[in-house]
């Protein structure tokens, strides 16, 4: 058994090559062979978001606090709230982050395939980010 004490692993800043705005990532699970699963708690300040990206085996995010936005290419921008779980299909081009007025924290899970868990792409445009979001709440 291995216990990782709170504060024993440093937070990382989301680099501007993959994120717009202020983002902090805190490790939960780092993949160790034979496992390929990793998990992070990701904190997005207001207006912060990922760039477009894909995951070879998909991704699951679970919103812990705040209000977020998420979009899969070709679909509407969706509002996500605490308790919501979002599954992005393998290879689906998508983005996610905080709303313009409220920060958001989510728990992210992804698996690596052939050593890679994510492929980063282009920046989400302001037009895409500010498209009228759909909410089912």
C-alpha atoms as a PDB file:
ATOM      1  CA  UNK A   1       0.000   0.000   0.000  1.00  0.00           C
ATOM      2  CA  UNK A   2       1.151   3.484  -0.792  1.00  0.00           C
ATOM      3  CA  UNK A   3      -0.317   6.627   0.744  1.00  0.00           C
ATOM      4  CA  UNK A   4       0.294   9.988  -0.871  1.00  0.00           C
ATOM      5  CA  UNK A   5      -0.217  12.578   1.834  1.00  0.00           C
ATOM      6  CA  UNK A   6      -2.001  15.810   1.010  1.00  0.00           C
ATOM      7  CA  UNK A   7       0.579  18.369  -0.041  1.00  0.00           C
ATOM      8  CA  UNK A   8       3.281  15.768  -0.722  1.00  0.00           C
ATOM      9  CA  UNK A   9       3.076  16.199  -4.514  1.00  0.00           C
ATOM     10  CA  UNK A  10       3.394  19.650  -6.055  1.00  0.00           C
ATOM     11  CA  UNK A  11       0.692  21.366  -8.052  1.00  0.00           C
ATOM     12  CA  UNK A  12       1.491  22.175 -11.671  1.00  0.00           C
ATOM     13  CA  UNK A  13       0.498  25.247 -13.636  1.00  0.00           C
ATOM     14  CA  UNK A  14      -1.406  24.536 -16.852  1.00  0.00           C
ATOM     15  CA  UNK A  15       0.973  25.707 -19.606  1.00  0.00           C
ATOM     16  CA  UNK A  16      -0.186  28.402 -22.039  1.00  0.00           C
ATOM     17  CA  UNK A  17       0.572  25.998 -24.898  1.00  0.00           C
ATOM     18  CA  UNK A  18      -2.471  23.900 -23.856  1.00  0.00           C
ATOM     19  CA  UNK A  19      -4.651  26.226 -21.744  1.00  0.00           C
ATOM     20  CA  UNK A  20      -6.193  29.685 -21.930  1.00  0.00           C
ATOM     21  CA  UNK A  21      -6.235  31.485 -18.567  1.00  0.00           C
ATOM     22  CA  UNK A  22      -5.090  30.320 -15.143  1.00  0.00           C
ATOM     23  CA  UNK A  23      -5.234  26.565 -14.587  1.00  0.00           C
ATOM     24  CA  UNK A  24      -3.768  24.442 -11.779  1.00  0.00           C
ATOM     25  CA  UNK A  25      -3.380  20.654 -11.896  1.00  0.00           C
ATOM     26  CA  UNK A  26      -3.011  18.450  -8.834  1.00  0.00           C
ATOM     27  CA  UNK A  27      -2.136  14.766  -9.326  1.00  0.00           C
ATOM     28  CA  UNK A  28      -4.412  12.076  -7.914  1.00  0.00           C
ATOM     29  CA  UNK A  29      -3.180   8.963  -9.750  1.00  0.00           C
ATOM     30  CA  UNK A  30      -0.116   8.727 -11.961  1.00  0.00           C
ATOM     31  CA  UNK A  31      -0.110   5.734 -14.300  1.00  0.00           C
ATOM     32  CA  UNK A  32       2.299   2.991 -13.266  1.00  0.00           C
ATOM     33  CA  UNK A  33       2.670  -0.122 -15.420  1.00  0.00           C
ATOM     34  CA  UNK A  34       0.759  -2.231 -16.004  1.00  0.00           C
ATOM     35  CA  UNK A  35      -1.912   0.421 -15.371  1.00  0.00           C
ATOM     36  CA  UNK A  36      -2.345   3.219 -17.899  1.00  0.00           C
ATOM     37  CA  UNK A  37      -4.868   5.278 -15.893  1.00  0.00           C
ATOM     38  CA  UNK A  38      -4.066   8.750 -14.622  1.00  0.00           C
ATOM     39  CA  UNK A  39      -6.201  11.242 -12.752  1.00  0.00           C
ATOM     40  CA  UNK A  40      -5.907  14.926 -11.865  1.00  0.00           C
ATOM     41  CA  UNK A  41      -7.897  17.534 -10.002  1.00  0.00           C
ATOM     42  CA  UNK A  42      -7.938  20.520 -12.348  1.00  0.00           C
ATOM     43  CA  UNK A  43      -8.842  24.013 -11.174  1.00  0.00           C
ATOM     44  CA  UNK A  44      -9.903  26.525 -13.824  1.00  0.00           C
ATOM     45  CA  UNK A  45     -10.163  30.202 -12.854  1.00  0.00           C
ATOM     46  CA  UNK A  46     -13.010  32.180 -14.451  1.00  0.00           C
ATOM     47  CA  UNK A  47     -12.713  32.117 -18.233  1.00  0.00           C
ATOM     48  CA  UNK A  48      -9.920  29.498 -18.206  1.00  0.00           C
ATOM     49  CA  UNK A  49     -10.187  26.476 -20.471  1.00  0.00           C
ATOM     50  CA  UNK A  50      -8.285  23.784 -22.315  1.00  0.00           C
ATOM     51  CA  UNK A  51      -7.306  23.973 -25.959  1.00  0.00           C
ATOM     52  CA  UNK A  52      -9.072  21.555 -28.309  1.00  0.00           C
ATOM     53  CA  UNK A  53      -7.730  18.066 -27.669  1.00  0.00           C
ATOM     54  CA  UNK A  54      -8.421  14.335 -27.955  1.00  0.00           C
ATOM     55  CA  UNK A  55      -7.732  11.270 -25.815  1.00  0.00           C
ATOM     56  CA  UNK A  56      -7.011   7.953 -27.563  1.00  0.00           C
ATOM     57  CA  UNK A  57      -9.096   5.980 -25.049  1.00  0.00           C
ATOM     58  CA  UNK A  58     -11.475   8.775 -24.063  1.00  0.00           C
ATOM     59  CA  UNK A  59     -11.725  10.914 -20.952  1.00  0.00           C
ATOM     60  CA  UNK A  60     -14.100  11.242 -18.024  1.00  0.00           C
ATOM     61  CA  UNK A  61     -14.427  14.441 -16.000  1.00  0.00           C
ATOM     62  CA  UNK A  62     -16.455  14.834 -12.809  1.00  0.00           C
ATOM     63  CA  UNK A  63     -17.286  18.391 -11.716  1.00  0.00           C
ATOM     64  CA  UNK A  64     -16.477  19.017  -8.054  1.00  0.00           C
ATOM     65  CA  UNK A  65     -17.335  22.706  -7.747  1.00  0.00           C
ATOM     66  CA  UNK A  66     -18.239  25.828  -9.684  1.00  0.00           C
ATOM     67  CA  UNK A  67     -19.763  26.100 -13.139  1.00  0.00           C
ATOM     68  CA  UNK A  68     -18.045  24.886 -16.282  1.00  0.00           C
ATOM     69  CA  UNK A  69     -18.483  24.624 -20.013  1.00  0.00           C
ATOM     70  CA  UNK A  70     -17.684  21.708 -22.302  1.00  0.00           C
ATOM     71  CA  UNK A  71     -18.014  21.070 -26.010  1.00  0.00           C
ATOM     72  CA  UNK A  72     -17.381  18.238 -28.424  1.00  0.00           C
ATOM     73  CA  UNK A  73     -16.597  19.399 -31.947  1.00  0.00           C
ATOM     74  CA  UNK A  74     -19.778  19.923 -33.934  1.00  0.00           C
ATOM     75  CA  UNK A  75     -21.976  19.957 -30.841  1.00  0.00           C
ATOM     76  CA  UNK A  76     -23.309  22.743 -28.642  1.00  0.00           C
ATOM     77  CA  UNK A  77     -21.422  24.264 -25.714  1.00  0.00           C
ATOM     78  CA  UNK A  78     -22.877  22.610 -22.606  1.00  0.00           C
ATOM     79  CA  UNK A  79     -23.034  23.919 -19.040  1.00  0.00           C
ATOM     80  CA  UNK A  80     -21.632  21.496 -16.440  1.00  0.00           C
ATOM     81  CA  UNK A  81     -22.195  21.741 -12.685  1.00  0.00           C
ATOM     82  CA  UNK A  82     -21.091  20.025  -9.445  1.00  0.00           C
ATOM     83  CA  UNK A  83     -22.002  16.353  -9.492  1.00  0.00           C
ATOM     84  CA  UNK A  84     -22.104  16.170 -13.318  1.00  0.00           C
ATOM     85  CA  UNK A  85     -19.945  13.507 -14.966  1.00  0.00           C
ATOM     86  CA  UNK A  86     -18.985  13.947 -18.612  1.00  0.00           C
ATOM     87  CA  UNK A  87     -17.585  11.162 -20.805  1.00  0.00           C
ATOM     88  CA  UNK A  88     -15.743  12.109 -23.973  1.00  0.00           C
ATOM     89  CA  UNK A  89     -15.509   9.220 -26.454  1.00  0.00           C
ATOM     90  CA  UNK A  90     -12.124   7.960 -27.645  1.00  0.00           C
ATOM     91  CA  UNK A  91     -10.714  10.337 -30.245  1.00  0.00           C
ATOM     92  CA  UNK A  92     -13.492  12.935 -29.774  1.00  0.00           C
ATOM     93  CA  UNK A  93     -12.135  16.450 -30.318  1.00  0.00           C
ATOM     94  CA  UNK A  94     -13.292  18.526 -27.341  1.00  0.00           C
ATOM     95  CA  UNK A  95     -12.535  21.214 -24.769  1.00  0.00           C
ATOM     96  CA  UNK A  96     -13.688  22.051 -21.229  1.00  0.00           C
ATOM     97  CA  UNK A  97     -13.154  24.742 -18.639  1.00  0.00           C
ATOM     98  CA  UNK A  98     -14.708  27.355 -16.379  1.00  0.00           C
ATOM     99  CA  UNK A  99     -17.590  29.600 -17.315  1.00  0.00           C
ATOM    100  CA  UNK A 100     -16.837  33.272 -18.035  1.00  0.00           C
ATOM    101  CA  UNK A 101     -18.044  34.316 -14.570  1.00  0.00           C
ATOM    102  CA  UNK A 102     -17.422  31.307 -12.298  1.00  0.00           C
ATOM    103  CA  UNK A 103     -14.376  29.145 -11.607  1.00  0.00           C
ATOM    104  CA  UNK A 104     -14.688  25.355 -11.951  1.00  0.00           C
ATOM    105  CA  UNK A 105     -12.881  22.361 -10.466  1.00  0.00           C
ATOM    106  CA  UNK A 106     -13.103  18.887 -11.946  1.00  0.00           C
ATOM    107  CA  UNK A 107     -11.590  15.469 -11.446  1.00  0.00           C
ATOM    108  CA  UNK A 108     -10.245  14.099 -14.754  1.00  0.00           C
ATOM    109  CA  UNK A 109      -9.546  10.465 -15.676  1.00  0.00           C
ATOM    110  CA  UNK A 110      -7.783   9.286 -18.826  1.00  0.00           C
ATOM    111  CA  UNK A 111      -5.785   6.307 -20.039  1.00  0.00           C
ATOM    112  CA  UNK A 112      -2.653   6.233 -22.139  1.00  0.00           C
ATOM    113  CA  UNK A 113      -2.386   4.240 -25.341  1.00  0.00           C
ATOM    114  CA  UNK A 114       1.101   3.580 -26.684  1.00  0.00           C
ATOM    115  CA  UNK A 115       2.453   5.971 -24.056  1.00  0.00           C
ATOM    116  CA  UNK A 116       0.166   8.908 -24.879  1.00  0.00           C
ATOM    117  CA  UNK A 117      -2.975  10.003 -22.997  1.00  0.00           C
ATOM    118  CA  UNK A 118      -3.723  13.247 -24.880  1.00  0.00           C
ATOM    119  CA  UNK A 119      -3.142  14.982 -28.205  1.00  0.00           C
ATOM    120  CA  UNK A 120      -3.257  18.767 -27.912  1.00  0.00           C
ATOM    121  CA  UNK A 121      -4.547  20.864 -30.791  1.00  0.00           C
ATOM    122  CA  UNK A 122      -5.475  24.501 -31.436  1.00  0.00           C
ATOM    123  CA  UNK A 123      -6.730  27.188 -29.087  1.00  0.00           C
ATOM    124  CA  UNK A 124     -10.501  27.452 -28.541  1.00  0.00           C
ATOM    125  CA  UNK A 125     -11.643  30.686 -30.202  1.00  0.00           C
ATOM    126  CA  UNK A 126     -13.489  33.346 -28.217  1.00  0.00           C
ATOM    127  CA  UNK A 127     -16.422  32.808 -30.587  1.00  0.00           C
ATOM    128  CA  UNK A 128     -16.568  29.070 -29.765  1.00  0.00           C
ATOM    129  CA  UNK A 129     -16.070  29.710 -26.043  1.00  0.00           C
ATOM    130  CA  UNK A 130     -18.763  32.380 -25.838  1.00  0.00           C
ATOM    131  CA  UNK A 131     -21.340  30.535 -27.981  1.00  0.00           C
ATOM    132  CA  UNK A 132     -24.671  30.393 -26.171  1.00  0.00           C
ATOM    133  CA  UNK A 133     -24.299  27.398 -23.817  1.00  0.00           C
ATOM    134  CA  UNK A 134     -27.073  24.861 -23.361  1.00  0.00           C
ATOM    135  CA  UNK A 135     -28.045  23.834 -19.856  1.00  0.00           C
ATOM    136  CA  UNK A 136     -30.363  21.039 -18.789  1.00  0.00           C
ATOM    137  CA  UNK A 137     -30.533  22.243 -15.162  1.00  0.00           C
END
